[in-house]
């Protein structure tokens, strides 16, 4: 099994990576990424490397107050086509919360292939919807723009009725981020709704056997 935070393609501050091998985790981040979604969009529009497609979508979002689902899904399709053109098949998961997750269809043990796949992912993201997909993720799964991903997950799980108020973000942090004992959680971490909450917080958890 493995749990990671997906890099945001140079969009927001680099996010931590945690593995089953027990890598040290930094202290929980506090505060928010921005004062509002509008402020976050304006921040992204100030980036010189923003793609033309991203810029057009975010300029529209600044006027309407949010990224539209139609634009989000168009970006997801663009990304899939870009990766396919680069020779990499992606597995798509449409989560219950409306977010789309893309992961490699196969896991390669070859370093060169992994590097090529990571480069293609980076280029396909930046040439298309890197900023749009992250802004949409925040407005959908983390509207308070919290930096503490464990808190984001726990709020989502509570709202979904999966946990009660006795289960705290510290419990999640302890069993998933610190000690890596997900089997002690009071829910199945591979449940579709749980996976949706994880992805909404920028966390990927996969069982590779």
N, C-alpha and C. Protein backbone atom coordinates (compact mmCIF):
# COMPACT_ATOMS: atom_id res chain seq x y z
N UNK A 1 0.84 -1.19 0.00
CA UNK A 1 0.00 0.00 0.00
C UNK A 1 0.87 1.24 0.00
N UNK A 2 0.32 2.31 -0.50
CA UNK A 2 1.08 3.56 -0.53
C UNK A 2 0.12 4.74 -0.45
N UNK A 3 0.56 5.75 0.26
CA UNK A 3 -0.22 6.98 0.30
C UNK A 3 0.69 8.13 -0.06
N UNK A 4 0.26 8.98 -0.94
CA UNK A 4 1.07 10.11 -1.38
C UNK A 4 0.20 11.33 -1.55
N UNK A 5 0.84 12.49 -1.58
CA UNK A 5 0.16 13.69 -2.02
C UNK A 5 0.62 13.94 -3.45
N UNK A 6 -0.30 14.14 -4.36
CA UNK A 6 0.05 14.38 -5.75
C UNK A 6 0.65 15.77 -5.90
N UNK A 7 1.84 15.89 -6.58
CA UNK A 7 2.39 17.21 -6.85
C UNK A 7 1.39 18.04 -7.65
N UNK A 8 1.38 19.34 -7.43
CA UNK A 8 0.39 20.18 -8.08
C UNK A 8 0.95 20.88 -9.32
N UNK A 9 1.91 20.25 -9.96
CA UNK A 9 2.43 20.77 -11.22
C UNK A 9 2.81 22.24 -11.10
N UNK A 10 3.54 22.56 -10.03
CA UNK A 10 4.05 23.91 -9.80
C UNK A 10 2.96 24.93 -9.52
N UNK A 11 1.76 24.43 -9.17
CA UNK A 11 0.65 25.34 -8.94
C UNK A 11 0.70 25.98 -7.57
N UNK A 12 0.71 25.15 -6.52
CA UNK A 12 0.71 25.62 -5.16
C UNK A 12 1.96 25.08 -4.48
N UNK A 13 2.25 25.49 -3.22
CA UNK A 13 3.45 25.01 -2.54
C UNK A 13 3.57 23.49 -2.60
N UNK A 14 4.80 23.00 -2.73
CA UNK A 14 5.02 21.56 -2.85
C UNK A 14 4.38 20.84 -1.68
N UNK A 15 3.75 19.70 -1.97
CA UNK A 15 3.04 18.95 -0.95
C UNK A 15 3.84 17.73 -0.53
N UNK A 16 3.61 17.30 0.70
CA UNK A 16 4.40 16.22 1.26
C UNK A 16 4.09 14.89 0.62
N UNK A 17 5.02 13.96 0.76
CA UNK A 17 4.81 12.59 0.28
C UNK A 17 5.06 11.66 1.44
N UNK A 18 4.17 10.72 1.67
CA UNK A 18 4.29 9.76 2.75
C UNK A 18 4.20 8.37 2.16
N UNK A 19 5.06 7.47 2.58
CA UNK A 19 5.01 6.11 2.06
C UNK A 19 4.87 5.13 3.20
N UNK A 20 4.55 3.90 2.83
CA UNK A 20 4.40 2.85 3.83
C UNK A 20 5.72 2.51 4.49
N UNK A 21 6.80 2.99 3.92
CA UNK A 21 8.11 2.73 4.51
C UNK A 21 8.33 3.55 5.77
N UNK A 22 7.43 4.51 6.03
CA UNK A 22 7.52 5.25 7.28
C UNK A 22 8.33 6.52 7.19
N UNK A 23 8.25 7.23 6.07
CA UNK A 23 8.96 8.49 5.95
C UNK A 23 8.42 9.48 6.98
N UNK A 24 9.31 10.33 7.51
CA UNK A 24 8.89 11.32 8.49
C UNK A 24 7.91 12.29 7.86
N UNK A 25 6.93 12.72 8.65
CA UNK A 25 5.97 13.69 8.16
C UNK A 25 6.17 15.00 8.89
N UNK A 26 6.05 16.13 8.19
CA UNK A 26 6.21 17.42 8.83
C UNK A 26 5.00 17.75 9.69
N UNK A 27 5.14 18.74 10.52
CA UNK A 27 4.03 19.16 11.35
C UNK A 27 2.89 19.65 10.46
N UNK A 28 1.67 19.51 10.94
CA UNK A 28 0.51 19.92 10.14
C UNK A 28 0.57 21.39 9.80
N UNK A 29 0.24 21.70 8.57
CA UNK A 29 0.19 23.09 8.14
C UNK A 29 -1.06 23.75 8.71
N UNK A 30 -0.95 25.00 9.02
CA UNK A 30 -2.10 25.72 9.56
C UNK A 30 -2.50 26.83 8.61
N UNK A 31 -3.70 27.37 8.84
CA UNK A 31 -4.16 28.47 8.02
C UNK A 31 -4.73 28.02 6.70
N UNK A 32 -4.81 28.95 5.77
CA UNK A 32 -5.41 28.69 4.46
C UNK A 32 -4.44 29.08 3.35
N UNK A 33 -4.75 28.58 2.15
CA UNK A 33 -3.92 28.92 0.99
C UNK A 33 -4.17 30.33 0.50
N UNK A 34 -5.37 30.82 0.74
CA UNK A 34 -5.73 32.18 0.30
C UNK A 34 -6.93 32.63 1.13
N UNK A 35 -7.22 33.91 1.09
CA UNK A 35 -8.33 34.45 1.87
C UNK A 35 -9.68 34.09 1.28
N UNK A 36 -9.71 33.76 0.00
CA UNK A 36 -10.96 33.40 -0.67
C UNK A 36 -10.63 32.69 -1.98
N UNK A 37 -11.63 32.04 -2.55
CA UNK A 37 -11.42 31.39 -3.85
C UNK A 37 -11.08 32.44 -4.90
N UNK A 38 -11.73 33.58 -4.84
CA UNK A 38 -11.44 34.66 -5.78
C UNK A 38 -9.98 35.08 -5.68
N UNK A 39 -9.46 35.20 -4.46
CA UNK A 39 -8.06 35.57 -4.27
C UNK A 39 -7.14 34.51 -4.83
N UNK A 40 -7.52 33.24 -4.68
CA UNK A 40 -6.70 32.15 -5.22
C UNK A 40 -6.69 32.20 -6.75
N UNK A 41 -7.84 32.46 -7.35
CA UNK A 41 -7.92 32.57 -8.81
C UNK A 41 -7.06 33.73 -9.30
N UNK A 42 -7.15 34.86 -8.62
CA UNK A 42 -6.33 36.02 -9.00
C UNK A 42 -4.86 35.70 -8.88
N UNK A 43 -4.50 34.95 -7.85
CA UNK A 43 -3.11 34.54 -7.67
C UNK A 43 -2.63 33.71 -8.85
N UNK A 44 -3.48 32.79 -9.28
CA UNK A 44 -3.12 31.93 -10.41
C UNK A 44 -3.03 32.71 -11.71
N UNK A 45 -3.90 33.69 -11.88
CA UNK A 45 -3.87 34.50 -13.10
C UNK A 45 -2.61 35.36 -13.18
N UNK A 46 -1.93 35.52 -12.06
CA UNK A 46 -0.70 36.29 -12.06
C UNK A 46 0.52 35.48 -12.46
N UNK A 47 0.34 34.18 -12.70
CA UNK A 47 1.47 33.32 -13.07
C UNK A 47 1.74 33.43 -14.56
N UNK A 48 3.00 33.69 -14.89
CA UNK A 48 3.37 33.87 -16.30
C UNK A 48 3.31 32.58 -17.10
N UNK A 49 3.49 31.42 -16.44
CA UNK A 49 3.52 30.14 -17.16
C UNK A 49 2.15 29.51 -17.33
N UNK A 50 1.11 30.23 -16.97
CA UNK A 50 -0.25 29.72 -17.11
C UNK A 50 -0.57 29.47 -18.59
N UNK A 51 -1.17 28.32 -18.90
CA UNK A 51 -1.53 28.04 -20.29
C UNK A 51 -2.66 28.96 -20.75
N UNK A 52 -2.77 29.14 -22.05
CA UNK A 52 -3.83 30.00 -22.60
C UNK A 52 -5.20 29.45 -22.22
N UNK A 53 -5.34 28.12 -22.23
CA UNK A 53 -6.63 27.52 -21.89
C UNK A 53 -6.97 27.78 -20.43
N UNK A 54 -6.01 27.53 -19.55
CA UNK A 54 -6.21 27.79 -18.13
C UNK A 54 -6.58 29.25 -17.89
N UNK A 55 -5.86 30.14 -18.54
CA UNK A 55 -6.08 31.58 -18.32
C UNK A 55 -7.51 31.97 -18.73
N UNK A 56 -7.96 31.48 -19.88
CA UNK A 56 -9.30 31.82 -20.34
C UNK A 56 -10.37 31.30 -19.37
N UNK A 57 -10.17 30.07 -18.88
CA UNK A 57 -11.13 29.48 -17.95
C UNK A 57 -11.15 30.23 -16.62
N UNK A 58 -9.97 30.58 -16.12
CA UNK A 58 -9.90 31.25 -14.83
C UNK A 58 -10.40 32.70 -14.91
N UNK A 59 -10.19 33.34 -16.04
CA UNK A 59 -10.74 34.69 -16.21
C UNK A 59 -12.26 34.65 -16.16
N UNK A 60 -12.83 33.61 -16.78
CA UNK A 60 -14.28 33.43 -16.73
C UNK A 60 -14.72 33.11 -15.31
N UNK A 61 -13.94 32.28 -14.61
CA UNK A 61 -14.28 31.90 -13.25
C UNK A 61 -14.24 33.10 -12.31
N UNK A 62 -13.35 34.04 -12.58
CA UNK A 62 -13.26 35.23 -11.75
C UNK A 62 -14.53 36.06 -11.87
N UNK A 63 -15.13 36.02 -13.04
CA UNK A 63 -16.38 36.77 -13.26
C UNK A 63 -17.59 36.06 -12.65
N UNK A 64 -17.60 34.73 -12.74
CA UNK A 64 -18.76 33.97 -12.27
C UNK A 64 -18.65 33.54 -10.81
N UNK A 65 -17.43 33.55 -10.28
CA UNK A 65 -17.22 33.14 -8.90
C UNK A 65 -16.76 31.72 -8.71
N UNK A 66 -16.71 30.94 -9.81
CA UNK A 66 -16.24 29.56 -9.70
C UNK A 66 -15.93 28.98 -11.08
N UNK A 67 -15.12 27.94 -11.07
CA UNK A 67 -14.84 27.20 -12.30
C UNK A 67 -16.05 26.34 -12.62
N UNK A 68 -16.52 26.38 -13.85
CA UNK A 68 -17.69 25.58 -14.21
C UNK A 68 -17.30 24.10 -14.35
N UNK A 69 -18.28 23.24 -14.12
CA UNK A 69 -18.02 21.81 -14.26
C UNK A 69 -17.72 21.46 -15.71
N UNK A 70 -18.37 22.14 -16.64
CA UNK A 70 -18.12 21.88 -18.05
C UNK A 70 -16.66 22.15 -18.40
N UNK A 71 -16.12 23.25 -17.90
CA UNK A 71 -14.72 23.58 -18.17
C UNK A 71 -13.80 22.57 -17.50
N UNK A 72 -14.13 22.18 -16.29
CA UNK A 72 -13.32 21.19 -15.57
C UNK A 72 -13.25 19.87 -16.34
N UNK A 73 -14.39 19.39 -16.80
CA UNK A 73 -14.43 18.13 -17.53
C UNK A 73 -13.74 18.24 -18.89
N UNK A 74 -13.85 19.41 -19.52
CA UNK A 74 -13.14 19.61 -20.79
C UNK A 74 -11.64 19.52 -20.56
N UNK A 75 -11.18 20.10 -19.48
CA UNK A 75 -9.75 20.03 -19.15
C UNK A 75 -9.30 18.61 -18.88
N UNK A 76 -10.15 17.84 -18.20
CA UNK A 76 -9.81 16.44 -17.92
C UNK A 76 -9.66 15.65 -19.22
N UNK A 77 -10.55 15.90 -20.16
CA UNK A 77 -10.47 15.22 -21.46
C UNK A 77 -9.21 15.63 -22.21
N UNK A 78 -8.87 16.90 -22.15
CA UNK A 78 -7.65 17.39 -22.80
C UNK A 78 -6.42 16.69 -22.23
N UNK A 79 -6.40 16.55 -20.90
CA UNK A 79 -5.26 15.89 -20.25
C UNK A 79 -5.16 14.44 -20.70
N UNK A 80 -6.28 13.73 -20.72
CA UNK A 80 -6.27 12.33 -21.14
C UNK A 80 -5.75 12.19 -22.56
N UNK A 81 -6.20 13.07 -23.44
CA UNK A 81 -5.76 13.01 -24.84
C UNK A 81 -4.28 13.32 -24.96
N UNK A 82 -3.80 14.27 -24.17
CA UNK A 82 -2.38 14.63 -24.20
C UNK A 82 -1.51 13.46 -23.74
N UNK A 83 -1.92 12.80 -22.66
CA UNK A 83 -1.15 11.66 -22.16
C UNK A 83 -1.19 10.50 -23.15
N UNK A 84 -2.34 10.29 -23.78
CA UNK A 84 -2.45 9.22 -24.77
C UNK A 84 -1.53 9.49 -25.95
N UNK A 85 -1.46 10.76 -26.36
CA UNK A 85 -0.59 11.14 -27.47
C UNK A 85 0.87 10.92 -27.12
N UNK A 86 1.18 11.03 -25.82
CA UNK A 86 2.57 10.81 -25.37
C UNK A 86 2.86 9.33 -25.17
N UNK A 87 1.83 8.50 -25.36
CA UNK A 87 2.02 7.06 -25.28
C UNK A 87 1.72 6.44 -23.93
N UNK A 88 0.99 7.17 -23.06
CA UNK A 88 0.72 6.66 -21.72
C UNK A 88 -0.79 6.58 -21.47
N UNK A 89 -1.25 5.38 -21.20
CA UNK A 89 -2.67 5.17 -20.88
C UNK A 89 -2.90 5.53 -19.42
N UNK A 90 -3.99 6.22 -19.16
CA UNK A 90 -4.31 6.63 -17.80
C UNK A 90 -5.63 6.00 -17.36
N UNK A 91 -5.69 5.60 -16.11
CA UNK A 91 -6.92 5.08 -15.53
C UNK A 91 -7.69 6.25 -14.93
N UNK A 92 -8.93 6.41 -15.35
CA UNK A 92 -9.75 7.52 -14.87
C UNK A 92 -10.76 7.03 -13.84
N UNK A 93 -10.84 7.76 -12.73
CA UNK A 93 -11.83 7.47 -11.70
C UNK A 93 -12.69 8.72 -11.51
N UNK A 94 -13.99 8.56 -11.68
CA UNK A 94 -14.93 9.65 -11.44
C UNK A 94 -15.48 9.48 -10.02
N UNK A 95 -15.01 10.33 -9.13
CA UNK A 95 -15.36 10.19 -7.71
C UNK A 95 -16.78 10.66 -7.42
N UNK A 96 -17.37 10.14 -6.33
CA UNK A 96 -18.73 10.55 -5.95
C UNK A 96 -18.89 12.05 -5.76
N UNK A 97 -17.82 12.74 -5.38
CA UNK A 97 -17.93 14.19 -5.17
C UNK A 97 -17.78 14.99 -6.46
N UNK A 98 -17.65 14.28 -7.59
CA UNK A 98 -17.57 14.96 -8.88
C UNK A 98 -16.17 15.21 -9.38
N UNK A 99 -15.17 14.92 -8.56
CA UNK A 99 -13.79 15.11 -8.99
C UNK A 99 -13.32 13.94 -9.85
N UNK A 100 -12.41 14.23 -10.76
CA UNK A 100 -11.85 13.22 -11.65
C UNK A 100 -10.40 12.97 -11.25
N UNK A 101 -10.08 11.71 -11.08
CA UNK A 101 -8.70 11.32 -10.75
C UNK A 101 -8.10 10.55 -11.91
N UNK A 102 -6.88 10.90 -12.26
CA UNK A 102 -6.14 10.16 -13.28
C UNK A 102 -4.90 9.53 -12.64
N UNK A 103 -4.73 8.26 -12.86
CA UNK A 103 -3.53 7.56 -12.41
C UNK A 103 -3.04 6.68 -13.55
N UNK A 104 -1.74 6.37 -13.60
CA UNK A 104 -1.23 5.50 -14.66
C UNK A 104 -1.95 4.16 -14.67
N UNK A 105 -2.27 3.67 -15.85
CA UNK A 105 -2.97 2.40 -15.97
C UNK A 105 -2.10 1.25 -15.50
N UNK A 106 -0.79 1.41 -15.61
CA UNK A 106 0.16 0.39 -15.15
C UNK A 106 1.26 1.06 -14.35
N UNK A 107 1.84 0.31 -13.42
CA UNK A 107 2.95 0.80 -12.61
C UNK A 107 4.22 0.14 -13.11
N UNK A 108 5.14 0.95 -13.62
CA UNK A 108 6.36 0.42 -14.21
C UNK A 108 7.50 0.37 -13.19
N UNK A 109 8.31 -0.68 -13.28
CA UNK A 109 9.49 -0.80 -12.43
C UNK A 109 10.71 -0.18 -13.10
N UNK A 110 10.53 0.26 -14.34
CA UNK A 110 11.65 0.83 -15.10
C UNK A 110 11.77 2.33 -14.79
N UNK A 111 12.93 2.73 -14.32
CA UNK A 111 13.13 4.12 -13.93
C UNK A 111 12.95 5.08 -15.11
N UNK A 112 13.47 4.71 -16.26
CA UNK A 112 13.38 5.58 -17.43
C UNK A 112 11.94 5.79 -17.85
N UNK A 113 11.14 4.72 -17.79
CA UNK A 113 9.73 4.83 -18.16
C UNK A 113 8.97 5.69 -17.15
N UNK A 114 9.29 5.50 -15.88
CA UNK A 114 8.63 6.32 -14.85
C UNK A 114 8.97 7.79 -15.03
N UNK A 115 10.23 8.07 -15.32
CA UNK A 115 10.65 9.45 -15.52
C UNK A 115 9.94 10.07 -16.73
N UNK A 116 9.83 9.28 -17.81
CA UNK A 116 9.16 9.77 -19.01
C UNK A 116 7.68 10.03 -18.73
N UNK A 117 7.07 9.15 -17.93
CA UNK A 117 5.65 9.32 -17.60
C UNK A 117 5.45 10.57 -16.74
N UNK A 118 6.35 10.80 -15.79
CA UNK A 118 6.25 11.98 -14.93
C UNK A 118 6.44 13.26 -15.74
N UNK A 119 7.36 13.23 -16.69
CA UNK A 119 7.59 14.40 -17.53
C UNK A 119 6.37 14.68 -18.40
N UNK A 120 5.78 13.62 -18.96
CA UNK A 120 4.58 13.79 -19.79
C UNK A 120 3.44 14.34 -18.95
N UNK A 121 3.30 13.83 -17.73
CA UNK A 121 2.24 14.32 -16.83
C UNK A 121 2.43 15.81 -16.56
N UNK A 122 3.65 16.20 -16.27
CA UNK A 122 3.96 17.60 -15.98
C UNK A 122 3.65 18.49 -17.19
N UNK A 123 4.09 18.05 -18.36
CA UNK A 123 3.88 18.86 -19.56
C UNK A 123 2.41 18.92 -19.96
N UNK A 124 1.70 17.79 -19.82
CA UNK A 124 0.28 17.78 -20.19
C UNK A 124 -0.53 18.62 -19.22
N UNK A 125 -0.16 18.62 -17.96
CA UNK A 125 -0.85 19.46 -16.98
C UNK A 125 -0.62 20.93 -17.29
N UNK A 126 0.61 21.33 -17.46
CA UNK A 126 0.92 22.74 -17.65
C UNK A 126 0.44 23.27 -19.00
N UNK A 127 0.33 22.39 -19.98
CA UNK A 127 -0.14 22.86 -21.29
C UNK A 127 -1.65 22.99 -21.33
N UNK A 128 -2.30 22.48 -20.31
CA UNK A 128 -3.76 22.52 -20.29
C UNK A 128 -4.35 23.01 -19.01
N UNK A 129 -4.84 22.07 -18.15
CA UNK A 129 -5.71 22.49 -17.06
C UNK A 129 -5.11 22.35 -15.67
N UNK A 130 -3.82 22.52 -15.51
CA UNK A 130 -3.19 22.36 -14.20
C UNK A 130 -3.83 23.24 -13.15
N UNK A 131 -3.97 24.52 -13.44
CA UNK A 131 -4.55 25.44 -12.46
C UNK A 131 -6.06 25.25 -12.33
N UNK A 132 -6.73 25.06 -13.45
CA UNK A 132 -8.18 24.89 -13.42
C UNK A 132 -8.59 23.69 -12.57
N UNK A 133 -7.90 22.55 -12.74
CA UNK A 133 -8.32 21.36 -12.02
C UNK A 133 -8.07 21.51 -10.53
N UNK A 134 -7.04 22.24 -10.13
CA UNK A 134 -6.79 22.43 -8.71
C UNK A 134 -7.78 23.43 -8.09
N UNK A 135 -8.07 24.50 -8.81
CA UNK A 135 -9.06 25.46 -8.32
C UNK A 135 -10.40 24.76 -8.14
N UNK A 136 -10.77 23.92 -9.11
CA UNK A 136 -12.04 23.19 -9.02
C UNK A 136 -12.02 22.23 -7.85
N UNK A 137 -10.90 21.59 -7.61
CA UNK A 137 -10.79 20.67 -6.47
C UNK A 137 -11.01 21.43 -5.16
N UNK A 138 -10.40 22.60 -5.05
CA UNK A 138 -10.57 23.38 -3.83
C UNK A 138 -12.03 23.81 -3.65
N UNK A 139 -12.65 24.33 -4.70
CA UNK A 139 -14.02 24.83 -4.55
C UNK A 139 -15.00 23.69 -4.27
N UNK A 140 -14.66 22.47 -4.71
CA UNK A 140 -15.54 21.33 -4.51
C UNK A 140 -15.31 20.63 -3.18
N UNK A 141 -14.05 20.38 -2.84
CA UNK A 141 -13.73 19.54 -1.69
C UNK A 141 -13.10 20.27 -0.51
N UNK A 142 -12.62 21.47 -0.74
CA UNK A 142 -11.96 22.22 0.33
C UNK A 142 -12.29 23.71 0.18
N UNK A 143 -13.58 24.06 0.28
CA UNK A 143 -13.98 25.45 0.05
C UNK A 143 -13.39 26.44 1.05
N UNK A 144 -12.96 25.95 2.22
CA UNK A 144 -12.33 26.83 3.20
C UNK A 144 -10.84 27.03 2.90
N UNK A 145 -10.34 26.33 1.86
CA UNK A 145 -8.96 26.47 1.38
C UNK A 145 -7.94 26.12 2.47
N UNK A 146 -8.25 25.14 3.29
CA UNK A 146 -7.39 24.75 4.40
C UNK A 146 -6.09 24.12 3.91
N UNK A 147 -5.00 24.44 4.60
CA UNK A 147 -3.72 23.82 4.30
C UNK A 147 -3.60 22.43 4.93
N UNK A 148 -4.33 22.20 5.99
CA UNK A 148 -4.24 20.93 6.73
C UNK A 148 -5.08 19.87 6.02
N UNK A 149 -4.44 19.04 5.23
CA UNK A 149 -5.16 18.04 4.44
C UNK A 149 -5.86 17.01 5.31
N UNK A 150 -5.29 16.69 6.48
CA UNK A 150 -5.94 15.73 7.37
C UNK A 150 -7.27 16.28 7.86
N UNK A 151 -7.33 17.56 8.15
CA UNK A 151 -8.58 18.19 8.58
C UNK A 151 -9.60 18.17 7.44
N UNK A 152 -9.13 18.40 6.22
CA UNK A 152 -10.02 18.37 5.06
C UNK A 152 -10.66 16.99 4.91
N UNK A 153 -9.86 15.94 5.07
CA UNK A 153 -10.38 14.57 4.96
C UNK A 153 -11.41 14.29 6.04
N UNK A 154 -11.09 14.65 7.28
CA UNK A 154 -11.99 14.35 8.39
C UNK A 154 -13.31 15.10 8.26
N UNK A 155 -13.28 16.33 7.82
CA UNK A 155 -14.52 17.08 7.61
C UNK A 155 -15.38 16.40 6.55
N UNK A 156 -14.74 15.94 5.49
CA UNK A 156 -15.45 15.26 4.41
C UNK A 156 -16.07 13.96 4.90
N UNK A 157 -15.30 13.18 5.65
CA UNK A 157 -15.80 11.91 6.17
C UNK A 157 -16.97 12.12 7.12
N UNK A 158 -16.90 13.17 7.93
CA UNK A 158 -18.01 13.47 8.86
C UNK A 158 -19.26 13.87 8.09
N UNK A 159 -19.09 14.74 7.11
CA UNK A 159 -20.23 15.19 6.31
C UNK A 159 -20.88 14.02 5.56
N UNK A 160 -20.07 13.02 5.20
CA UNK A 160 -20.59 11.86 4.47
C UNK A 160 -21.21 10.82 5.41
N UNK A 161 -21.13 11.06 6.72
CA UNK A 161 -21.70 10.13 7.69
C UNK A 161 -20.84 8.90 7.93
N UNK A 162 -19.58 8.94 7.53
CA UNK A 162 -18.69 7.79 7.67
C UNK A 162 -18.08 7.73 9.06
N UNK A 163 -17.86 8.87 9.68
CA UNK A 163 -17.33 8.94 11.03
C UNK A 163 -18.25 9.82 11.87
N UNK A 164 -18.09 9.70 13.20
CA UNK A 164 -18.82 10.61 14.08
C UNK A 164 -17.83 11.61 14.66
N UNK A 165 -18.32 12.48 15.53
CA UNK A 165 -17.49 13.56 16.05
C UNK A 165 -16.37 13.07 16.96
N UNK A 166 -16.42 11.80 17.36
CA UNK A 166 -15.36 11.27 18.23
C UNK A 166 -14.07 11.01 17.45
N UNK A 167 -14.19 10.84 16.14
CA UNK A 167 -13.00 10.61 15.31
C UNK A 167 -12.47 11.97 14.85
N UNK A 168 -11.23 12.27 15.20
CA UNK A 168 -10.66 13.59 14.94
C UNK A 168 -9.60 13.56 13.85
N UNK A 169 -9.17 14.75 13.45
CA UNK A 169 -8.10 14.82 12.45
C UNK A 169 -6.82 14.23 13.01
N UNK A 170 -6.62 14.27 14.33
CA UNK A 170 -5.43 13.67 14.93
C UNK A 170 -5.47 12.15 14.81
N UNK A 171 -6.68 11.58 14.89
CA UNK A 171 -6.81 10.13 14.69
C UNK A 171 -6.42 9.76 13.27
N UNK A 172 -6.91 10.53 12.31
CA UNK A 172 -6.55 10.27 10.92
C UNK A 172 -5.04 10.45 10.72
N UNK A 173 -4.51 11.52 11.25
CA UNK A 173 -3.07 11.80 11.14
C UNK A 173 -2.25 10.65 11.71
N UNK A 174 -2.68 10.13 12.86
CA UNK A 174 -1.93 9.08 13.53
C UNK A 174 -1.92 7.78 12.74
N UNK A 175 -3.10 7.39 12.23
CA UNK A 175 -3.21 6.08 11.59
C UNK A 175 -2.85 6.07 10.11
N UNK A 176 -2.90 7.22 9.47
CA UNK A 176 -2.63 7.26 8.03
C UNK A 176 -1.35 8.01 7.69
N UNK A 177 -1.03 9.05 8.44
CA UNK A 177 0.12 9.88 8.08
C UNK A 177 1.35 9.62 8.93
N UNK A 178 1.14 9.23 10.19
CA UNK A 178 2.28 9.07 11.10
C UNK A 178 2.71 7.61 11.26
N UNK A 179 1.83 6.80 11.85
CA UNK A 179 2.18 5.40 12.13
C UNK A 179 1.87 4.46 10.97
N UNK A 180 1.09 4.91 10.02
CA UNK A 180 0.66 4.13 8.88
C UNK A 180 0.02 2.82 9.32
N UNK A 181 -1.11 2.96 10.00
CA UNK A 181 -1.89 1.79 10.44
C UNK A 181 -3.35 1.97 10.01
N UNK A 182 -3.61 2.09 8.71
CA UNK A 182 -4.99 2.31 8.24
C UNK A 182 -5.94 1.19 8.62
N UNK A 183 -5.40 0.00 8.92
CA UNK A 183 -6.27 -1.10 9.31
C UNK A 183 -6.96 -0.84 10.66
N UNK A 184 -6.48 0.13 11.41
CA UNK A 184 -7.08 0.48 12.70
C UNK A 184 -8.17 1.55 12.57
N UNK A 185 -8.36 2.03 11.37
CA UNK A 185 -9.39 3.05 11.16
C UNK A 185 -10.78 2.44 11.30
N UNK A 186 -11.77 3.22 11.73
CA UNK A 186 -13.13 2.69 11.88
C UNK A 186 -13.91 2.67 10.56
N UNK A 187 -13.19 2.66 9.44
CA UNK A 187 -13.81 2.60 8.12
C UNK A 187 -12.84 1.98 7.15
N UNK A 188 -13.35 1.55 6.01
CA UNK A 188 -12.52 0.95 4.96
C UNK A 188 -11.92 2.07 4.12
N UNK A 189 -10.62 2.20 4.16
CA UNK A 189 -9.97 3.29 3.46
C UNK A 189 -10.10 3.17 1.94
N UNK A 190 -10.44 1.96 1.45
CA UNK A 190 -10.60 1.77 0.02
C UNK A 190 -12.05 1.98 -0.44
N UNK A 191 -12.96 2.30 0.50
CA UNK A 191 -14.34 2.62 0.14
C UNK A 191 -14.37 3.80 -0.82
N UNK A 192 -15.29 3.78 -1.78
CA UNK A 192 -15.33 4.80 -2.82
C UNK A 192 -15.51 6.20 -2.25
N UNK A 193 -16.37 6.35 -1.26
CA UNK A 193 -16.59 7.67 -0.68
C UNK A 193 -15.37 8.14 0.08
N UNK A 194 -14.71 7.22 0.78
CA UNK A 194 -13.47 7.57 1.49
C UNK A 194 -12.40 7.99 0.50
N UNK A 195 -12.27 7.24 -0.58
CA UNK A 195 -11.30 7.58 -1.61
C UNK A 195 -11.60 8.96 -2.20
N UNK A 196 -12.89 9.27 -2.32
CA UNK A 196 -13.30 10.57 -2.82
C UNK A 196 -12.84 11.68 -1.88
N UNK A 197 -12.99 11.46 -0.57
CA UNK A 197 -12.55 12.44 0.42
C UNK A 197 -11.03 12.61 0.38
N UNK A 198 -10.32 11.50 0.22
CA UNK A 198 -8.86 11.56 0.15
C UNK A 198 -8.42 12.37 -1.07
N UNK A 199 -8.99 12.05 -2.22
CA UNK A 199 -8.61 12.75 -3.44
C UNK A 199 -8.94 14.23 -3.36
N UNK A 200 -10.05 14.55 -2.71
CA UNK A 200 -10.43 15.93 -2.55
C UNK A 200 -9.42 16.73 -1.73
N UNK A 201 -8.69 16.01 -0.86
CA UNK A 201 -7.66 16.65 -0.05
C UNK A 201 -6.29 16.57 -0.71
N UNK A 202 -6.24 16.03 -1.92
CA UNK A 202 -4.97 15.90 -2.63
C UNK A 202 -4.16 14.70 -2.21
N UNK A 203 -4.83 13.70 -1.64
CA UNK A 203 -4.15 12.50 -1.16
C UNK A 203 -4.51 11.31 -2.04
N UNK A 204 -3.50 10.51 -2.37
CA UNK A 204 -3.73 9.30 -3.16
C UNK A 204 -3.35 8.10 -2.30
N UNK A 205 -4.24 7.17 -2.19
CA UNK A 205 -3.97 5.94 -1.45
C UNK A 205 -4.27 4.78 -2.37
N UNK A 206 -3.30 3.92 -2.61
CA UNK A 206 -3.49 2.78 -3.48
C UNK A 206 -2.94 1.52 -2.84
N UNK A 207 -3.63 0.41 -3.06
CA UNK A 207 -3.19 -0.89 -2.59
C UNK A 207 -2.56 -1.62 -3.77
N UNK A 208 -1.23 -1.75 -3.73
CA UNK A 208 -0.52 -2.42 -4.82
C UNK A 208 -0.23 -3.88 -4.49
N UNK A 209 -0.84 -4.36 -3.40
CA UNK A 209 -0.66 -5.76 -3.07
C UNK A 209 0.60 -6.03 -2.27
